Amino acid sequence: MNYAYAPNLPIMEFQLRGTYNLFDKFILNLNGRIETGRK
């Protein structure tokens, strides 16, 4: 209503998560995010 842009909110968002269980001994995990368009 009062501002041209939403402060600090992203326009584009990308998320990635992955988990790999090797023989119940080694647990590998990866997670990431990309955000663009914040002002």
PDB file of all heavy atoms in Angstrom:
ATOM      1  N   MET A   1       0.820  -1.203   0.000  1.00  0.00           N
ATOM      2  CA  MET A   1       0.000   0.000   0.000  1.00  0.00           C
ATOM      3  C   MET A   1       0.862   1.264   0.000  1.00  0.00           C
ATOM      4  O   MET A   1       0.561   2.237  -0.703  1.00  0.00           O
ATOM      5  CB  MET A   1      -0.941   0.001   1.211  1.00  0.00           C
ATOM      6  CG  MET A   1      -1.840   1.233   1.312  1.00  0.00           C
ATOM      7  SD  MET A   1      -2.934   1.193   2.749  1.00  0.00           S
ATOM      8  CE  MET A   1      -3.973  -0.208   2.335  1.00  0.00           C
ATOM      9  N   ASN A   2       1.952   1.277   0.791  1.00  0.00           N
ATOM     10  CA  ASN A   2       2.717   2.500   0.995  1.00  0.00           C
ATOM     11  C   ASN A   2       4.128   2.468   0.424  1.00  0.00           C
ATOM     12  O   ASN A   2       4.813   3.498   0.451  1.00  0.00           O
ATOM     13  CB  ASN A   2       2.808   2.811   2.497  1.00  0.00           C
ATOM     14  CG  ASN A   2       1.447   3.010   3.127  1.00  0.00           C
ATOM     15  OD1 ASN A   2       0.635   3.792   2.653  1.00  0.00           O
ATOM     16  ND2 ASN A   2       1.174   2.271   4.199  1.00  0.00           N
ATOM     17  N   TYR A   3       4.578   1.337  -0.089  1.00  0.00           N
ATOM     18  CA  TYR A   3       5.944   1.224  -0.588  1.00  0.00           C
ATOM     19  C   TYR A   3       5.935   0.591  -1.974  1.00  0.00           C
ATOM     20  O   TYR A   3       5.077  -0.241  -2.293  1.00  0.00           O
ATOM     21  CB  TYR A   3       6.805   0.400   0.383  1.00  0.00           C
ATOM     22  CG  TYR A   3       6.964   1.058   1.731  1.00  0.00           C
ATOM     23  CD1 TYR A   3       6.079   0.773   2.774  1.00  0.00           C
ATOM     24  CD2 TYR A   3       7.994   1.979   1.967  1.00  0.00           C
ATOM     25  CE1 TYR A   3       6.214   1.387   4.007  1.00  0.00           C
ATOM     26  CE2 TYR A   3       8.130   2.590   3.199  1.00  0.00           C
ATOM     27  CZ  TYR A   3       7.242   2.291   4.218  1.00  0.00           C
ATOM     28  OH  TYR A   3       7.367   2.902   5.442  1.00  0.00           O
ATOM     29  N   ALA A   4       6.933   0.986  -2.769  1.00  0.00           N
ATOM     30  CA  ALA A   4       7.011   0.467  -4.132  1.00  0.00           C
ATOM     31  C   ALA A   4       7.533  -0.963  -4.163  1.00  0.00           C
ATOM     32  O   ALA A   4       7.176  -1.742  -5.053  1.00  0.00           O
ATOM     33  CB  ALA A   4       7.921   1.374  -4.977  1.00  0.00           C
ATOM     34  N   TYR A   5       8.381  -1.325  -3.219  1.00  0.00           N
ATOM     35  CA  TYR A   5       8.950  -2.678  -3.148  1.00  0.00           C
ATOM     36  C   TYR A   5       8.777  -3.214  -1.734  1.00  0.00           C
ATOM     37  O   TYR A   5       8.714  -2.455  -0.763  1.00  0.00           O
ATOM     38  CB  TYR A   5      10.437  -2.670  -3.508  1.00  0.00           C
ATOM     39  CG  TYR A   5      10.730  -2.233  -4.929  1.00  0.00           C
ATOM     40  CD1 TYR A   5      11.113  -0.928  -5.209  1.00  0.00           C
ATOM     41  CD2 TYR A   5      10.622  -3.130  -5.992  1.00  0.00           C
ATOM     42  CE1 TYR A   5      11.380  -0.516  -6.508  1.00  0.00           C
ATOM     43  CE2 TYR A   5      10.891  -2.726  -7.296  1.00  0.00           C
ATOM     44  CZ  TYR A   5      11.261  -1.424  -7.540  1.00  0.00           C
ATOM     45  OH  TYR A   5      11.516  -1.020  -8.827  1.00  0.00           O
ATOM     46  N   ALA A   6       8.728  -4.537  -1.634  1.00  0.00           N
ATOM     47  CA  ALA A   6       8.646  -5.184  -0.328  1.00  0.00           C
ATOM     48  C   ALA A   6      10.059  -5.323   0.230  1.00  0.00           C
ATOM     49  O   ALA A   6      10.857  -6.086  -0.315  1.00  0.00           O
ATOM     50  CB  ALA A   6       7.990  -6.561  -0.451  1.00  0.00           C
ATOM     51  N   PRO A   7      10.410  -4.580   1.284  1.00  0.00           N
ATOM     52  CA  PRO A   7      11.783  -4.585   1.785  1.00  0.00           C
ATOM     53  C   PRO A   7      12.257  -5.989   2.165  1.00  0.00           C
ATOM     54  O   PRO A   7      11.612  -6.699   2.928  1.00  0.00           O
ATOM     55  CB  PRO A   7      11.715  -3.679   3.028  1.00  0.00           C
ATOM     56  CG  PRO A   7      10.536  -2.806   2.785  1.00  0.00           C
ATOM     57  CD  PRO A   7       9.551  -3.649   2.040  1.00  0.00           C
ATOM     58  N   ASN A   8      13.388  -6.379   1.579  1.00  0.00           N
ATOM     59  CA  ASN A   8      14.126  -7.599   1.903  1.00  0.00           C
ATOM     60  C   ASN A   8      13.446  -8.900   1.473  1.00  0.00           C
ATOM     61  O   ASN A   8      13.957  -9.981   1.761  1.00  0.00           O
ATOM     62  CB  ASN A   8      14.428  -7.677   3.405  1.00  0.00           C
ATOM     63  CG  ASN A   8      15.768  -8.325   3.689  1.00  0.00           C
ATOM     64  OD1 ASN A   8      16.814  -7.723   3.461  1.00  0.00           O
ATOM     65  ND2 ASN A   8      15.744  -9.557   4.164  1.00  0.00           N
ATOM     66  N   LEU A   9      12.340  -8.841   0.772  1.00  0.00           N
ATOM     67  CA  LEU A   9      11.691 -10.064   0.323  1.00  0.00           C
ATOM     68  C   LEU A   9      12.184 -10.422  -1.080  1.00  0.00           C
ATOM     69  O   LEU A   9      12.276  -9.558  -1.955  1.00  0.00           O
ATOM     70  CB  LEU A   9      10.170  -9.909   0.311  1.00  0.00           C
ATOM     71  CG  LEU A   9       9.497  -9.729   1.667  1.00  0.00           C
ATOM     72  CD1 LEU A   9       7.982  -9.725   1.502  1.00  0.00           C
ATOM     73  CD2 LEU A   9       9.923 -10.809   2.649  1.00  0.00           C
ATOM     74  N   PRO A  10      12.488 -11.696  -1.350  1.00  0.00           N
ATOM     75  CA  PRO A  10      13.040 -12.105  -2.649  1.00  0.00           C
ATOM     76  C   PRO A  10      11.953 -12.256  -3.712  1.00  0.00           C
ATOM     77  O   PRO A  10      10.812 -12.613  -3.409  1.00  0.00           O
ATOM     78  CB  PRO A  10      13.690 -13.453  -2.340  1.00  0.00           C
ATOM     79  CG  PRO A  10      12.854 -14.014  -1.231  1.00  0.00           C
ATOM     80  CD  PRO A  10      12.437 -12.827  -0.394  1.00  0.00           C
ATOM     81  N   ILE A  11      12.342 -11.995  -4.951  1.00  0.00           N
ATOM     82  CA  ILE A  11      11.440 -12.230  -6.076  1.00  0.00           C
ATOM     83  C   ILE A  11      11.583 -13.670  -6.584  1.00  0.00           C
ATOM     84  O   ILE A  11      10.591 -14.351  -6.810  1.00  0.00           O
ATOM     85  CB  ILE A  11      11.724 -11.219  -7.199  1.00  0.00           C
ATOM     86  CG1 ILE A  11      11.374  -9.807  -6.726  1.00  0.00           C
ATOM     87  CG2 ILE A  11      10.916 -11.562  -8.452  1.00  0.00           C
ATOM     88  CD1 ILE A  11      11.667  -8.730  -7.742  1.00  0.00           C
ATOM     89  N   MET A  12      12.812 -14.129  -6.737  1.00  0.00           N
ATOM     90  CA  MET A  12      13.063 -15.508  -7.171  1.00  0.00           C
ATOM     91  C   MET A  12      13.731 -16.280  -6.039  1.00  0.00           C
ATOM     92  O   MET A  12      14.631 -15.774  -5.372  1.00  0.00           O
ATOM     93  CB  MET A  12      13.956 -15.535  -8.404  1.00  0.00           C
ATOM     94  CG  MET A  12      13.319 -14.961  -9.655  1.00  0.00           C
ATOM     95  SD  MET A  12      11.868 -15.885 -10.225  1.00  0.00           S
ATOM     96  CE  MET A  12      12.559 -17.532 -10.478  1.00  0.00           C
ATOM     97  N   GLU A  13      13.267 -17.521  -5.835  1.00  0.00           N
ATOM     98  CA  GLU A  13      13.839 -18.392  -4.813  1.00  0.00           C
ATOM     99  C   GLU A  13      14.092 -19.775  -5.406  1.00  0.00           C
ATOM    100  O   GLU A  13      13.245 -20.312  -6.134  1.00  0.00           O
ATOM    101  CB  GLU A  13      12.888 -18.538  -3.625  1.00  0.00           C
ATOM    102  CG  GLU A  13      12.562 -17.260  -2.894  1.00  0.00           C
ATOM    103  CD  GLU A  13      11.554 -17.500  -1.780  1.00  0.00           C
ATOM    104  OE1 GLU A  13      11.968 -17.950  -0.696  1.00  0.00           O
ATOM    105  OE2 GLU A  13      10.352 -17.259  -2.014  1.00  0.00           O
ATOM    106  N   PHE A  14      15.248 -20.330  -5.069  1.00  0.00           N
ATOM    107  CA  PHE A  14      15.598 -21.689  -5.471  1.00  0.00           C
ATOM    108  C   PHE A  14      16.152 -22.420  -4.250  1.00  0.00           C
ATOM    109  O   PHE A  14      16.970 -21.865  -3.508  1.00  0.00           O
ATOM    110  CB  PHE A  14      16.644 -21.694  -6.591  1.00  0.00           C
ATOM    111  CG  PHE A  14      16.226 -20.940  -7.822  1.00  0.00           C
ATOM    112  CD1 PHE A  14      16.567 -19.612  -7.980  1.00  0.00           C
ATOM    113  CD2 PHE A  14      15.477 -21.567  -8.811  1.00  0.00           C
ATOM    114  CE1 PHE A  14      16.184 -18.902  -9.117  1.00  0.00           C
ATOM    115  CE2 PHE A  14      15.088 -20.878  -9.940  1.00  0.00           C
ATOM    116  CZ  PHE A  14      15.440 -19.544 -10.095  1.00  0.00           C
ATOM    117  N   GLN A  15      15.703 -23.654  -4.055  1.00  0.00           N
ATOM    118  CA  GLN A  15      16.170 -24.449  -2.928  1.00  0.00           C
ATOM    119  C   GLN A  15      16.528 -25.848  -3.405  1.00  0.00           C
ATOM    120  O   GLN A  15      15.869 -26.403  -4.298  1.00  0.00           O
ATOM    121  CB  GLN A  15      15.094 -24.534  -1.843  1.00  0.00           C
ATOM    122  CG  GLN A  15      14.693 -23.200  -1.247  1.00  0.00           C
ATOM    123  CD  GLN A  15      13.565 -23.326  -0.231  1.00  0.00           C
ATOM    124  OE1 GLN A  15      13.250 -24.420   0.239  1.00  0.00           O
ATOM    125  NE2 GLN A  15      12.939 -22.198   0.099  1.00  0.00           N
ATOM    126  N   LEU A  16      17.562 -26.411  -2.800  1.00  0.00           N
ATOM    127  CA  LEU A  16      18.010 -27.760  -3.143  1.00  0.00           C
ATOM    128  C   LEU A  16      18.431 -28.471  -1.870  1.00  0.00           C
ATOM    129  O   LEU A  16      19.171 -27.907  -1.053  1.00  0.00           O
ATOM    130  CB  LEU A  16      19.184 -27.708  -4.122  1.00  0.00           C
ATOM    131  CG  LEU A  16      19.817 -29.060  -4.499  1.00  0.00           C
ATOM    132  CD1 LEU A  16      18.819 -29.910  -5.276  1.00  0.00           C
ATOM    133  CD2 LEU A  16      21.089 -28.847  -5.297  1.00  0.00           C
ATOM    134  N   ARG A  17      17.943 -29.707  -1.704  1.00  0.00           N
ATOM    135  CA  ARG A  17      18.324 -30.525  -0.556  1.00  0.00           C
ATOM    136  C   ARG A  17      18.591 -31.946  -1.006  1.00  0.00           C
ATOM    137  O   ARG A  17      17.901 -32.461  -1.892  1.00  0.00           O
ATOM    138  CB  ARG A  17      17.226 -30.519   0.518  1.00  0.00           C
ATOM    139  CG  ARG A  17      16.955 -29.180   1.152  1.00  0.00           C
ATOM    140  CD  ARG A  17      15.878 -29.284   2.213  1.00  0.00           C
ATOM    141  NE  ARG A  17      14.615 -29.753   1.640  1.00  0.00           N
ATOM    142  CZ  ARG A  17      13.502 -29.963   2.333  1.00  0.00           C
ATOM    143  NH1 ARG A  17      13.502 -29.753   3.641  1.00  0.00           N
ATOM    144  NH2 ARG A  17      12.402 -30.371   1.751  1.00  0.00           N
ATOM    145  N   GLY A  18      19.585 -32.560  -0.394  1.00  0.00           N
ATOM    146  CA  GLY A  18      19.892 -33.945  -0.733  1.00  0.00           C
ATOM    147  C   GLY A  18      20.535 -34.659   0.430  1.00  0.00           C
ATOM    148  O   GLY A  18      21.304 -34.072   1.197  1.00  0.00           O
ATOM    149  N   THR A  19      20.213 -35.936   0.577  1.00  0.00           N
ATOM    150  CA  THR A  19      20.794 -36.781   1.629  1.00  0.00           C
ATOM    151  C   THR A  19      21.161 -38.132   1.028  1.00  0.00           C
ATOM    152  O   THR A  19      20.362 -38.721   0.282  1.00  0.00           O
ATOM    153  CB  THR A  19      19.805 -36.987   2.793  1.00  0.00           C
ATOM    154  OG1 THR A  19      19.428 -35.722   3.334  1.00  0.00           O
ATOM    155  CG2 THR A  19      20.440 -37.824   3.898  1.00  0.00           C
ATOM    156  N   TYR A  20      22.370 -38.610   1.366  1.00  0.00           N
ATOM    157  CA  TYR A  20      22.825 -39.907   0.861  1.00  0.00           C
ATOM    158  C   TYR A  20      23.306 -40.740   2.037  1.00  0.00           C
ATOM    159  O   TYR A  20      24.145 -40.305   2.831  1.00  0.00           O
ATOM    160  CB  TYR A  20      23.945 -39.722  -0.156  1.00  0.00           C
ATOM    161  CG  TYR A  20      24.430 -41.024  -0.763  1.00  0.00           C
ATOM    162  CD1 TYR A  20      23.608 -41.770  -1.593  1.00  0.00           C
ATOM    163  CD2 TYR A  20      25.711 -41.504  -0.497  1.00  0.00           C
ATOM    164  CE1 TYR A  20      24.038 -42.955  -2.152  1.00  0.00           C
ATOM    165  CE2 TYR A  20      26.154 -42.693  -1.048  1.00  0.00           C
ATOM    166  CZ  TYR A  20      25.307 -43.413  -1.878  1.00  0.00           C
ATOM    167  OH  TYR A  20      25.737 -44.597  -2.420  1.00  0.00           O
ATOM    168  N   ASN A  21      22.765 -41.950   2.152  1.00  0.00           N
ATOM    169  CA  ASN A  21      23.098 -42.862   3.236  1.00  0.00           C
ATOM    170  C   ASN A  21      23.904 -44.030   2.668  1.00  0.00           C
ATOM    171  O   ASN A  21      23.389 -44.819   1.876  1.00  0.00           O
ATOM    172  CB  ASN A  21      21.808 -43.370   3.896  1.00  0.00           C
ATOM    173  CG  ASN A  21      22.082 -44.210   5.129  1.00  0.00           C
ATOM    174  OD1 ASN A  21      23.126 -44.825   5.268  1.00  0.00           O
ATOM    175  ND2 ASN A  21      21.123 -44.241   6.036  1.00  0.00           N
ATOM    176  N   LEU A  22      25.166 -44.137   3.062  1.00  0.00           N
ATOM    177  CA  LEU A  22      26.045 -45.183   2.561  1.00  0.00           C
ATOM    178  C   LEU A  22      26.258 -46.227   3.643  1.00  0.00           C
ATOM    179  O   LEU A  22      26.980 -45.996   4.628  1.00  0.00           O
ATOM    180  CB  LEU A  22      27.386 -44.582   2.120  1.00  0.00           C
ATOM    181  CG  LEU A  22      28.409 -45.544   1.518  1.00  0.00           C
ATOM    182  CD1 LEU A  22      27.859 -46.189   0.244  1.00  0.00           C
ATOM    183  CD2 LEU A  22      29.721 -44.819   1.228  1.00  0.00           C
ATOM    184  N   PHE A  23      25.596 -47.381   3.499  1.00  0.00           N
ATOM    185  CA  PHE A  23      25.746 -48.525   4.396  1.00  0.00           C
ATOM    186  C   PHE A  23      25.402 -48.173   5.848  1.00  0.00           C
ATOM    187  O   PHE A  23      25.911 -48.830   6.777  1.00  0.00           O
ATOM    188  CB  PHE A  23      27.173 -49.083   4.342  1.00  0.00           C
ATOM    189  CG  PHE A  23      27.666 -49.368   2.965  1.00  0.00           C
ATOM    190  CD1 PHE A  23      28.845 -48.801   2.508  1.00  0.00           C
ATOM    191  CD2 PHE A  23      26.951 -50.194   2.105  1.00  0.00           C
ATOM    192  CE1 PHE A  23      29.313 -49.055   1.222  1.00  0.00           C
ATOM    193  CE2 PHE A  23      27.412 -50.460   0.823  1.00  0.00           C
ATOM    194  CZ  PHE A  23      28.592 -49.885   0.383  1.00  0.00           C
ATOM    195  N   ASP A  24      24.574 -47.158   6.068  1.00  0.00           N
ATOM    196  CA  ASP A  24      24.228 -46.716   7.422  1.00  0.00           C
ATOM    197  C   ASP A  24      25.451 -46.321   8.247  1.00  0.00           C
ATOM    198  O   ASP A  24      25.391 -46.279   9.485  1.00  0.00           O
ATOM    199  CB  ASP A  24      23.439 -47.803   8.171  1.00  0.00           C
ATOM    200  CG  ASP A  24      22.004 -47.880   7.704  1.00  0.00           C
ATOM    201  OD1 ASP A  24      21.467 -46.840   7.266  1.00  0.00           O
ATOM    202  OD2 ASP A  24      21.419 -48.982   7.769  1.00  0.00           O
ATOM    203  N   LYS A  25      26.543 -46.041   7.572  1.00  0.00           N
ATOM    204  CA  LYS A  25      27.780 -45.621   8.238  1.00  0.00           C
ATOM    205  C   LYS A  25      28.123 -44.172   7.923  1.00  0.00           C
ATOM    206  O   LYS A  25      28.526 -43.412   8.800  1.00  0.00           O
ATOM    207  CB  LYS A  25      28.947 -46.529   7.826  1.00  0.00           C
ATOM    208  CG  LYS A  25      28.934 -47.913   8.462  1.00  0.00           C
ATOM    209  CD  LYS A  25      29.223 -47.819   9.955  1.00  0.00           C
ATOM    210  CE  LYS A  25      29.345 -49.194  10.585  1.00  0.00           C
ATOM    211  NZ  LYS A  25      29.614 -49.117  12.047  1.00  0.00           N
ATOM    212  N   PHE A  26      27.997 -43.808   6.663  1.00  0.00           N
ATOM    213  CA  PHE A  26      28.301 -42.458   6.226  1.00  0.00           C
ATOM    214  C   PHE A  26      27.004 -41.780   5.756  1.00  0.00           C
ATOM    215  O   PHE A  26      26.320 -42.300   4.877  1.00  0.00           O
ATOM    216  CB  PHE A  26      29.322 -42.460   5.097  1.00  0.00           C
ATOM    217  CG  PHE A  26      30.673 -42.969   5.504  1.00  0.00           C
ATOM    218  CD1 PHE A  26      31.001 -44.313   5.334  1.00  0.00           C
ATOM    219  CD2 PHE A  26      31.626 -42.113   6.053  1.00  0.00           C
ATOM    220  CE1 PHE A  26      32.240 -44.794   5.705  1.00  0.00           C
ATOM    221  CE2 PHE A  26      32.872 -42.586   6.422  1.00  0.00           C
ATOM    222  CZ  PHE A  26      33.185 -43.927   6.254  1.00  0.00           C
ATOM    223  N   ILE A  27      26.704 -40.645   6.346  1.00  0.00           N
ATOM    224  CA  ILE A  27      25.524 -39.863   5.983  1.00  0.00           C
ATOM    225  C   ILE A  27      26.014 -38.528   5.414  1.00  0.00           C
ATOM    226  O   ILE A  27      26.656 -37.744   6.114  1.00  0.00           O
ATOM    227  CB  ILE A  27      24.601 -39.608   7.180  1.00  0.00           C
ATOM    228  CG1 ILE A  27      24.301 -40.920   7.924  1.00  0.00           C
ATOM    229  CG2 ILE A  27      23.324 -38.935   6.719  1.00  0.00           C
ATOM    230  CD1 ILE A  27      23.573 -41.943   7.097  1.00  0.00           C
ATOM    231  N   LEU A  28      25.731 -38.310   4.142  1.00  0.00           N
ATOM    232  CA  LEU A  28      26.120 -37.073   3.484  1.00  0.00           C
ATOM    233  C   LEU A  28      24.880 -36.238   3.206  1.00  0.00           C
ATOM    234  O   LEU A  28      23.857 -36.773   2.759  1.00  0.00           O
ATOM    235  CB  LEU A  28      26.850 -37.359   2.171  1.00  0.00           C
ATOM    236  CG  LEU A  28      28.042 -38.325   2.237  1.00  0.00           C
ATOM    237  CD1 LEU A  28      28.616 -38.550   0.842  1.00  0.00           C
ATOM    238  CD2 LEU A  28      29.113 -37.803   3.182  1.00  0.00           C
ATOM    239  N   ASN A  29      24.944 -34.956   3.455  1.00  0.00           N
ATOM    240  CA  ASN A  29      23.794 -34.100   3.189  1.00  0.00           C
ATOM    241  C   ASN A  29      24.244 -32.771   2.591  1.00  0.00           C
ATOM    242  O   ASN A  29      25.312 -32.241   2.933  1.00  0.00           O
ATOM    243  CB  ASN A  29      22.966 -33.875   4.458  1.00  0.00           C
ATOM    244  CG  ASN A  29      23.754 -33.168   5.550  1.00  0.00           C
ATOM    245  OD1 ASN A  29      23.921 -31.945   5.509  1.00  0.00           O
ATOM    246  ND2 ASN A  29      24.232 -33.921   6.529  1.00  0.00           N
ATOM    247  N   LEU A  30      23.429 -32.271   1.690  1.00  0.00           N
ATOM    248  CA  LEU A  30      23.683 -31.000   1.031  1.00  0.00           C
ATOM    249  C   LEU A  30      22.388 -30.211   0.998  1.00  0.00           C
ATOM    250  O   LEU A  30      21.332 -30.746   0.649  1.00  0.00           O
ATOM    251  CB  LEU A  30      24.186 -31.229  -0.399  1.00  0.00           C
ATOM    252  CG  LEU A  30      24.342 -29.980  -1.275  1.00  0.00           C
ATOM    253  CD1 LEU A  30      25.524 -29.143  -0.801  1.00  0.00           C
ATOM    254  CD2 LEU A  30      24.528 -30.376  -2.743  1.00  0.00           C
ATOM    255  N   ASN A  31      22.452 -28.948   1.362  1.00  0.00           N
ATOM    256  CA  ASN A  31      21.292 -28.075   1.229  1.00  0.00           C
ATOM    257  C   ASN A  31      21.770 -26.683   0.837  1.00  0.00           C
ATOM    258  O   ASN A  31      22.835 -26.227   1.270  1.00  0.00           O
ATOM    259  CB  ASN A  31      20.456 -28.039   2.511  1.00  0.00           C
ATOM    260  CG  ASN A  31      21.200 -27.386   3.667  1.00  0.00           C
ATOM    261  OD1 ASN A  31      21.266 -26.169   3.766  1.00  0.00           O
ATOM    262  ND2 ASN A  31      21.768 -28.206   4.557  1.00  0.00           N
ATOM    263  N   GLY A  32      21.002 -26.046   0.000  1.00  0.00           N
ATOM    264  CA  GLY A  32      21.393 -24.725  -0.470  1.00  0.00           C
ATOM    265  C   GLY A  32      20.199 -23.921  -0.911  1.00  0.00           C
ATOM    266  O   GLY A  32      19.114 -24.453  -1.157  1.00  0.00           O
ATOM    267  N   ARG A  33      20.410 -22.622  -1.014  1.00  0.00           N
ATOM    268  CA  ARG A  33      19.359 -21.721  -1.470  1.00  0.00           C
ATOM    269  C   ARG A  33      19.963 -20.569  -2.262  1.00  0.00           C
ATOM    270  O   ARG A  33      21.094 -20.144  -2.008  1.00  0.00           O
ATOM    271  CB  ARG A  33      18.545 -21.177  -0.302  1.00  0.00           C
ATOM    272  CG  ARG A  33      19.343 -20.306   0.663  1.00  0.00           C
ATOM    273  CD  ARG A  33      18.514 -19.932   1.878  1.00  0.00           C
ATOM    274  NE  ARG A  33      19.294 -19.173   2.853  1.00  0.00           N
ATOM    275  CZ  ARG A  33      19.127 -17.890   3.119  1.00  0.00           C
ATOM    276  NH1 ARG A  33      18.179 -17.205   2.482  1.00  0.00           N
ATOM    277  NH2 ARG A  33      19.866 -17.269   4.010  1.00  0.00           N
ATOM    278  N   ILE A  34      19.200 -20.099  -3.215  1.00  0.00           N
ATOM    279  CA  ILE A  34      19.550 -18.919  -3.998  1.00  0.00           C
ATOM    280  C   ILE A  34      18.339 -18.001  -3.986  1.00  0.00           C
ATOM    281  O   ILE A  34      17.212 -18.443  -4.251  1.00  0.00           O
ATOM    282  CB  ILE A  34      19.934 -19.288  -5.441  1.00  0.00           C
ATOM    283  CG1 ILE A  34      21.154 -20.224  -5.459  1.00  0.00           C
ATOM    284  CG2 ILE A  34      20.227 -18.036  -6.253  1.00  0.00           C
ATOM    285  CD1 ILE A  34      21.492 -20.725  -6.854  1.00  0.00           C
ATOM    286  N   GLU A  35      18.559 -16.721  -3.665  1.00  0.00           N
ATOM    287  CA  GLU A  35      17.487 -15.741  -3.654  1.00  0.00           C
ATOM    288  C   GLU A  35      17.946 -14.493  -4.405  1.00  0.00           C
ATOM    289  O   GLU A  35      19.086 -14.046  -4.227  1.00  0.00           O
ATOM    290  CB  GLU A  35      17.090 -15.360  -2.222  1.00  0.00           C
ATOM    291  CG  GLU A  35      16.521 -16.513  -1.407  1.00  0.00           C
ATOM    292  CD  GLU A  35      16.096 -16.092  -0.012  1.00  0.00           C
ATOM    293  OE1 GLU A  35      16.204 -14.867   0.287  1.00  0.00           O
ATOM    294  OE2 GLU A  35      15.657 -16.947   0.771  1.00  0.00           O
ATOM    295  N   THR A  36      17.074 -13.945  -5.227  1.00  0.00           N
ATOM    296  CA  THR A  36      17.399 -12.734  -5.978  1.00  0.00           C
ATOM    297  C   THR A  36      16.238 -11.753  -5.884  1.00  0.00           C
ATOM    298  O   THR A  36      15.100 -12.136  -5.566  1.00  0.00           O
ATOM    299  CB  THR A  36      17.679 -13.048  -7.454  1.00  0.00           C
ATOM    300  OG1 THR A  36      16.486 -13.583  -8.059  1.00  0.00           O
ATOM    301  CG2 THR A  36      18.802 -14.069  -7.600  1.00  0.00           C
ATOM    302  N   GLY A  37      16.528 -10.496  -6.184  1.00  0.00           N
ATOM    303  CA  GLY A  37      15.480  -9.485  -6.248  1.00  0.00           C
ATOM    304  C   GLY A  37      15.202  -8.757  -4.955  1.00  0.00           C
ATOM    305  O   GLY A  37      14.251  -7.962  -4.889  1.00  0.00           O
ATOM    306  N   ARG A  38      15.999  -8.969  -3.910  1.00  0.00           N
ATOM    307  CA  ARG A  38      15.745  -8.287  -2.636  1.00  0.00           C
ATOM    308  C   ARG A  38      16.225  -6.832  -2.697  1.00  0.00           C
ATOM    309  O   ARG A  38      17.263  -6.534  -3.270  1.00  0.00           O
ATOM    310  CB  ARG A  38      16.450  -9.007  -1.490  1.00  0.00           C
ATOM    311  CG  ARG A  38      15.994 -10.448  -1.277  1.00  0.00           C
ATOM    312  CD  ARG A  38      16.745 -11.088  -0.130  1.00  0.00           C
ATOM    313  NE  ARG A  38      18.182 -10.948  -0.329  1.00  0.00           N
ATOM    314  CZ  ARG A  38      19.025 -10.479   0.587  1.00  0.00           C
ATOM    315  NH1 ARG A  38      18.579 -10.091   1.762  1.00  0.00           N
ATOM    316  NH2 ARG A  38      20.309 -10.390   0.338  1.00  0.00           N
ATOM    317  N   LYS A  39      15.473  -5.939  -2.043  1.00  0.00           N
ATOM    318  CA  LYS A  39      15.825  -4.530  -2.001  1.00  0.00           C
ATOM    319  C   LYS A  39      15.642  -4.001  -0.578  1.00  0.00           C
ATOM    320  O   LYS A  39      14.795  -4.489   0.170  1.00  0.00           O
ATOM    321  CB  LYS A  39      14.968  -3.721  -2.971  1.00  0.00           C
ATOM    322  CG  LYS A  39      15.301  -3.958  -4.435  1.00  0.00           C
ATOM    323  CD  LYS A  39      14.434  -3.116  -5.351  1.00  0.00           C
ATOM    324  CE  LYS A  39      14.880  -3.233  -6.808  1.00  0.00           C
ATOM    325  NZ  LYS A  39      14.830  -4.621  -7.295  1.00  0.00           N
TER     326      LYS A  39
END
